Amino acid sequence: MGQEASVPVDKGRRLEVIDAGFSRTGTLSYAYALEKLLDGPVHHTASQLFNREDSYCKEWNQIYRYRREGDRTQLLKALEDAFSGFAGATDVTAIDFLPELMELYPDAKFVLVTRPPAAWWKSFKSVADNAGSRAMGYITMPLPGIRWFIDTARGFFEAAEDRTGRKCNPLWIEQHNEYVRNLVPKERLLEVELGSGWEPLCKLLGKPIPKEPFPQVNEAAARDNFTLNILRKAAMAWAGIFTVIGVISYFTWQLEIRTFNR
């Protein structure tokens, strides 16, 4: 979570593979794996929304608003722009718009990565508890890009509730997986267990198996480290803001004293 963002160079590239697995099913590991196999940038939600420029992060905020408002025309246009140049996509910004992505990219293949519900819930619950934190929203207000995340996270949970028909719960992953199986035609869908390695993915894409190990990113550790970095950056930003306010207030006070004493 929060690793370096993959930024497209060739805007003509289109999505070839979409990881339809729920968040906390190795989405960052699969993003790295797909980058290797597709030889191109892969869109991973946290990497993009925590590391890209402010305008791009704000664009995702607007995308979820289009979804909320039911403006399908603008939604499709915005999604195509946001995914322009990416060869693959993983995590919530992909799974929240599967019907739209199927329409926009009719030749794309889908991978449904699954994991045991108990292990998934243990990993996901901390994300669910903190993603919509109002306090974090206020803390990150001075940080470009990141400041849009809290409102966008509200869209993540709204979309998940819509496709599962349930509020956040330990069975969300099974409900989501069933949704994907019913939505994506079998000939376009590969279902694999987390930890299956290169072979199923390479077979789907007709690629040779790399000699290097399959990427394995500890997303919980990455999340914790990144959260600490956010807090440090926010503390520095707020310290700078209050310093400027203090300096302005001091000189304003001095000016008023001098004016009064004339």
C-alpha atoms as a PDB file:
ATOM      1  CA  MET A   1       0.000   0.000   0.000  1.00  0.00           C
ATOM      2  CA  GLY A   2       1.248   3.407  -0.902  1.00  0.00           C
ATOM      3  CA  GLN A   3       4.208   2.174  -2.968  1.00  0.00           C
ATOM      4  CA  GLU A   4       5.565   4.117  -5.967  1.00  0.00           C
ATOM      5  CA  ALA A   5       2.829   4.892  -8.494  1.00  0.00           C
ATOM      6  CA  SER A   6       3.032   3.494 -12.007  1.00  0.00           C
ATOM      7  CA  VAL A   7       2.500   6.399 -14.417  1.00  0.00           C
ATOM      8  CA  PRO A   8       1.561   5.758 -18.073  1.00  0.00           C
ATOM      9  CA  VAL A   9       3.821   7.067 -20.807  1.00  0.00           C
ATOM     10  CA  ASP A  10       1.934   5.687 -23.806  1.00  0.00           C
ATOM     11  CA  LYS A  11      -1.651   6.889 -23.432  1.00  0.00           C
ATOM     12  CA  GLY A  12      -2.647   4.591 -26.285  1.00  0.00           C
ATOM     13  CA  ARG A  13      -2.356   1.466 -24.126  1.00  0.00           C
ATOM     14  CA  ARG A  14      -5.612  -0.059 -22.956  1.00  0.00           C
ATOM     15  CA  LEU A  15      -6.477  -2.340 -20.069  1.00  0.00           C
ATOM     16  CA  GLU A  16      -5.659  -5.952 -20.902  1.00  0.00           C
ATOM     17  CA  VAL A  17      -6.077  -7.547 -17.465  1.00  0.00           C
ATOM     18  CA  ILE A  18      -8.271  -6.516 -14.536  1.00  0.00           C
ATOM     19  CA  ASP A  19      -7.774  -8.059 -11.104  1.00  0.00           C
ATOM     20  CA  ALA A  20     -11.348  -8.410  -9.824  1.00  0.00           C
ATOM     21  CA  GLY A  21     -10.321  -9.682  -6.389  1.00  0.00           C
ATOM     22  CA  PHE A  22     -11.513  -7.748  -3.353  1.00  0.00           C
ATOM     23  CA  SER A  23      -9.140  -5.433  -1.516  1.00  0.00           C
ATOM     24  CA  ARG A  24      -6.651  -7.311   0.735  1.00  0.00           C
ATOM     25  CA  THR A  25      -6.309 -10.253  -1.649  1.00  0.00           C
ATOM     26  CA  GLY A  26      -2.743  -9.455  -2.666  1.00  0.00           C
ATOM     27  CA  THR A  27      -3.723  -6.642  -5.002  1.00  0.00           C
ATOM     28  CA  LEU A  28      -0.339  -4.903  -4.756  1.00  0.00           C
ATOM     29  CA  SER A  29       1.543  -8.159  -5.335  1.00  0.00           C
ATOM     30  CA  TYR A  30      -0.609  -8.832  -8.399  1.00  0.00           C
ATOM     31  CA  ALA A  31      -0.040  -5.280  -9.614  1.00  0.00           C
ATOM     32  CA  TYR A  32       3.718  -5.923  -9.611  1.00  0.00           C
ATOM     33  CA  ALA A  33       3.231  -9.324 -11.245  1.00  0.00           C
ATOM     34  CA  LEU A  34       1.082  -7.853 -14.023  1.00  0.00           C
ATOM     35  CA  GLU A  35       3.585  -5.054 -14.620  1.00  0.00           C
ATOM     36  CA  LYS A  36       6.198  -7.734 -15.235  1.00  0.00           C
ATOM     37  CA  LEU A  37       4.056  -9.871 -17.544  1.00  0.00           C
ATOM     38  CA  LEU A  38       2.397  -7.044 -19.478  1.00  0.00           C
ATOM     39  CA  ASP A  39       5.511  -4.862 -19.633  1.00  0.00           C
ATOM     40  CA  GLY A  40       3.453  -1.798 -18.828  1.00  0.00           C
ATOM     41  CA  PRO A  41       1.995   0.294 -15.995  1.00  0.00           C
ATOM     42  CA  VAL A  42      -0.653  -1.230 -13.746  1.00  0.00           C
ATOM     43  CA  HIS A  43      -3.175   0.830 -11.791  1.00  0.00           C
ATOM     44  CA  HIS A  44      -3.248  -0.001  -8.066  1.00  0.00           C
ATOM     45  CA  THR A  45      -5.612   2.128  -5.998  1.00  0.00           C
ATOM     46  CA  ALA A  46      -3.463   3.065  -3.009  1.00  0.00           C
ATOM     47  CA  SER A  47      -0.328   3.562  -5.102  1.00  0.00           C
ATOM     48  CA  GLN A  48      -2.188   5.937  -7.409  1.00  0.00           C
ATOM     49  CA  LEU A  49      -4.332   7.857  -4.921  1.00  0.00           C
ATOM     50  CA  PHE A  50      -1.517   8.355  -2.412  1.00  0.00           C
ATOM     51  CA  ASN A  51       1.293   9.200  -4.814  1.00  0.00           C
ATOM     52  CA  ARG A  52      -0.117  10.859  -7.928  1.00  0.00           C
ATOM     53  CA  GLU A  53      -0.617  14.555  -8.601  1.00  0.00           C
ATOM     54  CA  ASP A  54      -3.494  16.397  -6.946  1.00  0.00           C
ATOM     55  CA  SER A  55      -5.555  16.727 -10.142  1.00  0.00           C
ATOM     56  CA  TYR A  56      -5.506  12.962 -10.782  1.00  0.00           C
ATOM     57  CA  CYS A  57      -6.608  12.133  -7.236  1.00  0.00           C
ATOM     58  CA  LYS A  58      -9.366  14.728  -7.455  1.00  0.00           C
ATOM     59  CA  GLU A  59     -10.510  13.092 -10.718  1.00  0.00           C
ATOM     60  CA  TRP A  60     -11.239   9.854  -8.834  1.00  0.00           C
ATOM     61  CA  ASN A  61     -13.235  11.804  -6.305  1.00  0.00           C
ATOM     62  CA  GLN A  62     -15.368  13.059  -9.193  1.00  0.00           C
ATOM     63  CA  ILE A  63     -15.691   9.565 -10.698  1.00  0.00           C
ATOM     64  CA  TYR A  64     -17.370   8.315  -7.536  1.00  0.00           C
ATOM     65  CA  ARG A  65     -19.664  11.325  -7.609  1.00  0.00           C
ATOM     66  CA  TYR A  66     -20.754  10.422 -11.143  1.00  0.00           C
ATOM     67  CA  ARG A  67     -21.477   6.911  -9.894  1.00  0.00           C
ATOM     68  CA  ARG A  68     -23.450   8.252  -6.930  1.00  0.00           C
ATOM     69  CA  GLU A  69     -25.458  10.568  -9.190  1.00  0.00           C
ATOM     70  CA  GLY A  70     -26.109   7.859 -11.811  1.00  0.00           C
ATOM     71  CA  ASP A  71     -24.488   9.883 -14.608  1.00  0.00           C
ATOM     72  CA  ARG A  72     -23.350   6.912 -16.708  1.00  0.00           C
ATOM     73  CA  THR A  73     -22.239   8.945 -19.733  1.00  0.00           C
ATOM     74  CA  GLN A  74     -19.848  11.078 -17.714  1.00  0.00           C
ATOM     75  CA  LEU A  75     -18.809   8.056 -15.646  1.00  0.00           C
ATOM     76  CA  LEU A  76     -17.698   6.053 -18.679  1.00  0.00           C
ATOM     77  CA  LYS A  77     -15.848   9.038 -20.113  1.00  0.00           C
ATOM     78  CA  ALA A  78     -14.071   9.722 -16.810  1.00  0.00           C
ATOM     79  CA  LEU A  79     -13.138   6.069 -16.263  1.00  0.00           C
ATOM     80  CA  GLU A  80     -11.650   5.788 -19.739  1.00  0.00           C
ATOM     81  CA  ASP A  81      -9.587   8.905 -19.067  1.00  0.00           C
ATOM     82  CA  ALA A  82      -8.437   7.723 -15.610  1.00  0.00           C
ATOM     83  CA  PHE A  83      -7.334   4.308 -16.916  1.00  0.00           C
ATOM     84  CA  SER A  84      -5.831   5.672 -20.131  1.00  0.00           C
ATOM     85  CA  GLY A  85      -2.358   4.229 -20.729  1.00  0.00           C
ATOM     86  CA  PHE A  86      -2.597   1.452 -18.135  1.00  0.00           C
ATOM     87  CA  ALA A  87      -2.108  -2.180 -19.170  1.00  0.00           C
ATOM     88  CA  GLY A  88      -3.719  -3.590 -16.040  1.00  0.00           C
ATOM     89  CA  ALA A  89      -5.689  -2.618 -12.948  1.00  0.00           C
ATOM     90  CA  THR A  90      -6.127  -3.975  -9.431  1.00  0.00           C
ATOM     91  CA  ASP A  91      -7.914  -3.098  -6.178  1.00  0.00           C
ATOM     92  CA  VAL A  92     -11.081  -1.132  -5.438  1.00  0.00           C
ATOM     93  CA  THR A  93     -10.964   1.429  -8.239  1.00  0.00           C
ATOM     94  CA  ALA A  94     -11.152  -1.539 -10.609  1.00  0.00           C
ATOM     95  CA  ILE A  95     -13.675  -3.768  -8.811  1.00  0.00           C
ATOM     96  CA  ASP A  96     -16.086  -0.904  -8.102  1.00  0.00           C
ATOM     97  CA  PHE A  97     -16.635  -0.397 -11.838  1.00  0.00           C
ATOM     98  CA  LEU A  98     -16.540  -3.912 -13.318  1.00  0.00           C
ATOM     99  CA  PRO A  99     -19.653  -3.534 -15.551  1.00  0.00           C
ATOM    100  CA  GLU A 100     -18.301  -0.267 -16.944  1.00  0.00           C
ATOM    101  CA  LEU A 101     -14.819  -1.699 -17.520  1.00  0.00           C
ATOM    102  CA  MET A 102     -16.291  -4.732 -19.278  1.00  0.00           C
ATOM    103  CA  GLU A 103     -18.044  -2.320 -21.626  1.00  0.00           C
ATOM    104  CA  LEU A 104     -15.029  -0.077 -22.159  1.00  0.00           C
ATOM    105  CA  TYR A 105     -12.542  -2.955 -22.587  1.00  0.00           C
ATOM    106  CA  PRO A 106     -14.397  -5.870 -24.242  1.00  0.00           C
ATOM    107  CA  ASP A 107     -11.152  -7.786 -24.867  1.00  0.00           C
ATOM    108  CA  ALA A 108      -9.828  -7.524 -21.305  1.00  0.00           C
ATOM    109  CA  LYS A 109      -9.345 -10.629 -19.175  1.00  0.00           C
ATOM    110  CA  PHE A 110     -10.312 -10.791 -15.511  1.00  0.00           C
ATOM    111  CA  VAL A 111      -8.585 -12.468 -12.575  1.00  0.00           C
ATOM    112  CA  LEU A 112     -10.517 -13.211  -9.391  1.00  0.00           C
ATOM    113  CA  VAL A 113      -8.041 -13.711  -6.544  1.00  0.00           C
ATOM    114  CA  THR A 114      -9.663 -15.315  -3.497  1.00  0.00           C
ATOM    115  CA  ARG A 115      -8.561 -16.068   0.066  1.00  0.00           C
ATOM    116  CA  PRO A 116     -10.209 -17.681   3.137  1.00  0.00           C
ATOM    117  CA  PRO A 117     -12.836 -15.303   4.592  1.00  0.00           C
ATOM    118  CA  ALA A 118     -11.450 -15.385   8.166  1.00  0.00           C
ATOM    119  CA  ALA A 119      -7.937 -14.420   7.056  1.00  0.00           C
ATOM    120  CA  TRP A 120      -9.335 -11.798   4.717  1.00  0.00           C
ATOM    121  CA  TRP A 121     -11.489 -10.213   7.431  1.00  0.00           C
ATOM    122  CA  LYS A 122      -8.578 -10.056   9.862  1.00  0.00           C
ATOM    123  CA  SER A 123      -6.637  -8.101   7.232  1.00  0.00           C
ATOM    124  CA  PHE A 124      -9.499  -5.952   5.951  1.00  0.00           C
ATOM    125  CA  LYS A 125     -11.160  -4.943   9.230  1.00  0.00           C
ATOM    126  CA  SER A 126      -8.467  -2.406  10.120  1.00  0.00           C
ATOM    127  CA  VAL A 127      -8.917  -0.839   6.684  1.00  0.00           C
ATOM    128  CA  ALA A 128     -12.688  -0.700   7.181  1.00  0.00           C
ATOM    129  CA  ASP A 129     -12.305   0.865  10.625  1.00  0.00           C
ATOM    130  CA  ASN A 130      -9.995   3.657   9.453  1.00  0.00           C
ATOM    131  CA  ALA A 131     -10.740   4.378   5.778  1.00  0.00           C
ATOM    132  CA  GLY A 132     -13.563   6.830   6.434  1.00  0.00           C
ATOM    133  CA  SER A 133     -12.026   8.519   9.466  1.00  0.00           C
ATOM    134  CA  ARG A 134     -13.094  12.161   9.624  1.00  0.00           C
ATOM    135  CA  ALA A 135     -10.112  12.913  11.834  1.00  0.00           C
ATOM    136  CA  MET A 136      -7.772  11.622   9.129  1.00  0.00           C
ATOM    137  CA  GLY A 137      -9.623  13.754   6.617  1.00  0.00           C
ATOM    138  CA  TYR A 138      -8.877  16.891   8.623  1.00  0.00           C
ATOM    139  CA  ILE A 139      -5.286  15.819   9.256  1.00  0.00           C
ATOM    140  CA  THR A 140      -4.556  15.325   5.543  1.00  0.00           C
ATOM    141  CA  MET A 141      -6.224  18.526   4.319  1.00  0.00           C
ATOM    142  CA  PRO A 142      -2.883  20.294   3.572  1.00  0.00           C
ATOM    143  CA  LEU A 143      -1.486  17.332   1.594  1.00  0.00           C
ATOM    144  CA  PRO A 144      -2.028  17.466  -2.201  1.00  0.00           C
ATOM    145  CA  GLY A 145      -3.524  14.281  -3.619  1.00  0.00           C
ATOM    146  CA  ILE A 146      -4.004  12.506  -0.308  1.00  0.00           C
ATOM    147  CA  ARG A 147      -6.523  15.135   0.819  1.00  0.00           C
ATOM    148  CA  TRP A 148      -9.103  13.703  -1.618  1.00  0.00           C
ATOM    149  CA  PHE A 149      -8.812  10.133  -0.355  1.00  0.00           C
ATOM    150  CA  ILE A 150     -11.278  10.158   2.561  1.00  0.00           C
ATOM    151  CA  ASP A 151     -14.221  11.294   0.424  1.00  0.00           C
ATOM    152  CA  THR A 152     -13.207   8.851  -2.312  1.00  0.00           C
ATOM    153  CA  ALA A 153     -13.052   6.052   0.298  1.00  0.00           C
ATOM    154  CA  ARG A 154     -16.715   6.712   1.027  1.00  0.00           C
ATOM    155  CA  GLY A 155     -17.353   5.786  -2.594  1.00  0.00           C
ATOM    156  CA  PHE A 156     -15.467   2.494  -2.138  1.00  0.00           C
ATOM    157  CA  PHE A 157     -17.792   1.390   0.636  1.00  0.00           C
ATOM    158  CA  GLU A 158     -20.937   2.592  -1.117  1.00  0.00           C
ATOM    159  CA  ALA A 159     -20.016   0.570  -4.204  1.00  0.00           C
ATOM    160  CA  ALA A 160     -19.254  -2.568  -2.162  1.00  0.00           C
ATOM    161  CA  GLU A 161     -22.558  -2.275  -0.315  1.00  0.00           C
ATOM    162  CA  ASP A 162     -24.396  -1.925  -3.624  1.00  0.00           C
ATOM    163  CA  ARG A 163     -22.901  -5.029  -5.236  1.00  0.00           C
ATOM    164  CA  THR A 164     -23.116  -7.252  -2.131  1.00  0.00           C
ATOM    165  CA  GLY A 165     -26.393  -5.924  -0.789  1.00  0.00           C
ATOM    166  CA  ARG A 166     -24.865  -5.771   2.695  1.00  0.00           C
ATOM    167  CA  LYS A 167     -23.032  -3.401   5.005  1.00  0.00           C
ATOM    168  CA  CYS A 168     -19.380  -4.194   5.696  1.00  0.00           C
ATOM    169  CA  ASN A 169     -19.163  -7.671   7.246  1.00  0.00           C
ATOM    170  CA  PRO A 170     -16.858 -10.745   7.421  1.00  0.00           C
ATOM    171  CA  LEU A 171     -18.658 -12.382   4.478  1.00  0.00           C
ATOM    172  CA  TRP A 172     -18.193  -9.432   2.128  1.00  0.00           C
ATOM    173  CA  ILE A 173     -15.441 -11.228   0.216  1.00  0.00           C
ATOM    174  CA  GLU A 174     -17.643 -14.264  -0.522  1.00  0.00           C
ATOM    175  CA  GLN A 175     -20.531 -12.030  -1.563  1.00  0.00           C
ATOM    176  CA  HIS A 176     -18.222 -10.047  -3.821  1.00  0.00           C
ATOM    177  CA  ASN A 177     -16.733 -13.199  -5.369  1.00  0.00           C
ATOM    178  CA  GLU A 178     -20.189 -14.521  -6.189  1.00  0.00           C
ATOM    179  CA  TYR A 179     -21.036 -11.186  -7.802  1.00  0.00           C
ATOM    180  CA  VAL A 180     -17.952 -11.426 -10.020  1.00  0.00           C
ATOM    181  CA  ARG A 181     -18.692 -15.041 -11.022  1.00  0.00           C
ATOM    182  CA  ASN A 182     -22.206 -14.057 -12.061  1.00  0.00           C
ATOM    183  CA  LEU A 183     -21.069 -10.939 -13.915  1.00  0.00           C
ATOM    184  CA  VAL A 184     -17.967 -11.945 -15.884  1.00  0.00           C
ATOM    185  CA  PRO A 185     -18.312 -14.654 -18.573  1.00  0.00           C
ATOM    186  CA  LYS A 186     -16.339 -17.785 -17.695  1.00  0.00           C
ATOM    187  CA  GLU A 187     -14.211 -17.539 -20.833  1.00  0.00           C
ATOM    188  CA  ARG A 188     -12.920 -14.140 -19.666  1.00  0.00           C
ATOM    189  CA  LEU A 189     -12.386 -15.059 -15.991  1.00  0.00           C
ATOM    190  CA  LEU A 190      -9.530 -16.800 -14.179  1.00  0.00           C
ATOM    191  CA  GLU A 191     -10.174 -17.669 -10.530  1.00  0.00           C
ATOM    192  CA  VAL A 192      -7.149 -18.348  -8.340  1.00  0.00           C
ATOM    193  CA  GLU A 193      -6.352 -18.663  -4.638  1.00  0.00           C
ATOM    194  CA  LEU A 194      -4.003 -16.106  -3.144  1.00  0.00           C
ATOM    195  CA  GLY A 195      -0.527 -17.631  -3.224  1.00  0.00           C
ATOM    196  CA  SER A 196      -0.994 -19.550  -6.489  1.00  0.00           C
ATOM    197  CA  GLY A 197       2.113 -17.981  -8.010  1.00  0.00           C
ATOM    198  CA  TRP A 198       3.003 -17.338 -11.634  1.00  0.00           C
ATOM    199  CA  GLU A 199       1.648 -20.418 -13.403  1.00  0.00           C
ATOM    200  CA  PRO A 200      -2.129 -19.682 -13.644  1.00  0.00           C
ATOM    201  CA  LEU A 201      -1.525 -16.046 -14.582  1.00  0.00           C
ATOM    202  CA  CYS A 202       1.096 -16.890 -17.197  1.00  0.00           C
ATOM    203  CA  LYS A 203      -1.150 -19.572 -18.684  1.00  0.00           C
ATOM    204  CA  LEU A 204      -4.009 -17.076 -18.976  1.00  0.00           C
ATOM    205  CA  LEU A 205      -1.790 -14.549 -20.753  1.00  0.00           C
ATOM    206  CA  GLY A 206       0.258 -16.999 -22.785  1.00  0.00           C
ATOM    207  CA  LYS A 207       3.480 -15.755 -21.182  1.00  0.00           C
ATOM    208  CA  PRO A 208       6.558 -17.729 -20.059  1.00  0.00           C
ATOM    209  CA  ILE A 209       6.967 -18.108 -16.305  1.00  0.00           C
ATOM    210  CA  PRO A 210       9.547 -15.581 -15.010  1.00  0.00           C
ATOM    211  CA  LYS A 211      12.596 -16.970 -13.260  1.00  0.00           C
ATOM    212  CA  GLU A 212      12.168 -14.578 -10.360  1.00  0.00           C
ATOM    213  CA  PRO A 213       9.802 -15.347  -7.434  1.00  0.00           C
ATOM    214  CA  PHE A 214       6.218 -14.134  -7.603  1.00  0.00           C
ATOM    215  CA  PRO A 215       5.963 -10.721  -5.869  1.00  0.00           C
ATOM    216  CA  GLN A 216       4.886 -10.982  -2.243  1.00  0.00           C
ATOM    217  CA  VAL A 217       4.205  -7.627  -0.620  1.00  0.00           C
ATOM    218  CA  ASN A 218       3.253  -7.438   3.044  1.00  0.00           C
ATOM    219  CA  GLU A 219       0.434  -4.949   2.528  1.00  0.00           C
ATOM    220  CA  ALA A 220      -0.320  -4.605   6.251  1.00  0.00           C
ATOM    221  CA  ALA A 221       3.269  -3.554   6.977  1.00  0.00           C
ATOM    222  CA  ALA A 222       3.300  -1.277   3.923  1.00  0.00           C
ATOM    223  CA  ARG A 223       0.027   0.271   5.091  1.00  0.00           C
ATOM    224  CA  ASP A 224       1.355   0.938   8.588  1.00  0.00           C
ATOM    225  CA  ASN A 225       4.591   2.470   7.291  1.00  0.00           C
ATOM    226  CA  PHE A 226       2.728   4.621   4.837  1.00  0.00           C
ATOM    227  CA  THR A 227       0.278   5.816   7.496  1.00  0.00           C
ATOM    228  CA  LEU A 228       3.215   6.927   9.641  1.00  0.00           C
ATOM    229  CA  ASN A 229       4.697   8.794   6.673  1.00  0.00           C
ATOM    230  CA  ILE A 230       1.363  10.524   6.048  1.00  0.00           C
ATOM    231  CA  LEU A 231       1.172  11.610   9.678  1.00  0.00           C
ATOM    232  CA  ARG A 232       4.738  12.950   9.537  1.00  0.00           C
ATOM    233  CA  LYS A 233       4.046  14.901   6.349  1.00  0.00           C
ATOM    234  CA  ALA A 234       0.780  16.247   7.749  1.00  0.00           C
ATOM    235  CA  ALA A 235       2.476  17.302  10.989  1.00  0.00           C
ATOM    236  CA  MET A 236       5.125  19.188   9.016  1.00  0.00           C
ATOM    237  CA  ALA A 237       2.505  20.813   6.783  1.00  0.00           C
ATOM    238  CA  TRP A 238       0.366  21.934   9.717  1.00  0.00           C
ATOM    239  CA  ALA A 239       3.461  23.173  11.570  1.00  0.00           C
ATOM    240  CA  GLY A 240       4.329  25.264   8.517  1.00  0.00           C
ATOM    241  CA  ILE A 241       0.800  26.628   8.290  1.00  0.00           C
ATOM    242  CA  PHE A 242       0.665  27.602  11.958  1.00  0.00           C
ATOM    243  CA  THR A 243       4.141  29.149  11.743  1.00  0.00           C
ATOM    244  CA  VAL A 244       3.048  31.336   8.838  1.00  0.00           C
ATOM    245  CA  ILE A 245      -0.136  32.300  10.693  1.00  0.00           C
ATOM    246  CA  GLY A 246       1.925  33.116  13.768  1.00  0.00           C
ATOM    247  CA  VAL A 247       4.374  35.269  11.821  1.00  0.00           C
ATOM    248  CA  ILE A 248       1.584  37.151  10.043  1.00  0.00           C
ATOM    249  CA  SER A 249      -0.258  37.666  13.335  1.00  0.00           C
ATOM    250  CA  TYR A 250       2.902  38.970  15.014  1.00  0.00           C
ATOM    251  CA  PHE A 251       3.703  41.508  12.283  1.00  0.00           C
ATOM    252  CA  THR A 252       0.048  42.564  12.121  1.00  0.00           C
ATOM    253  CA  TRP A 253       0.099  43.136  15.882  1.00  0.00           C
ATOM    254  CA  GLN A 254       3.358  45.114  15.615  1.00  0.00           C
ATOM    255  CA  LEU A 255       1.913  47.245  12.823  1.00  0.00           C
ATOM    256  CA  GLU A 256      -1.196  48.002  14.879  1.00  0.00           C
ATOM    257  CA  ILE A 257       0.949  49.036  17.870  1.00  0.00           C
ATOM    258  CA  ARG A 258       3.046  51.367  15.728  1.00  0.00           C
ATOM    259  CA  THR A 259      -0.042  52.868  14.137  1.00  0.00           C
ATOM    260  CA  PHE A 260      -1.635  53.375  17.557  1.00  0.00           C
ATOM    261  CA  ASN A 261       1.510  55.081  18.950  1.00  0.00           C
ATOM    262  CA  ARG A 262       1.808  57.610  16.161  1.00  0.00           C
END
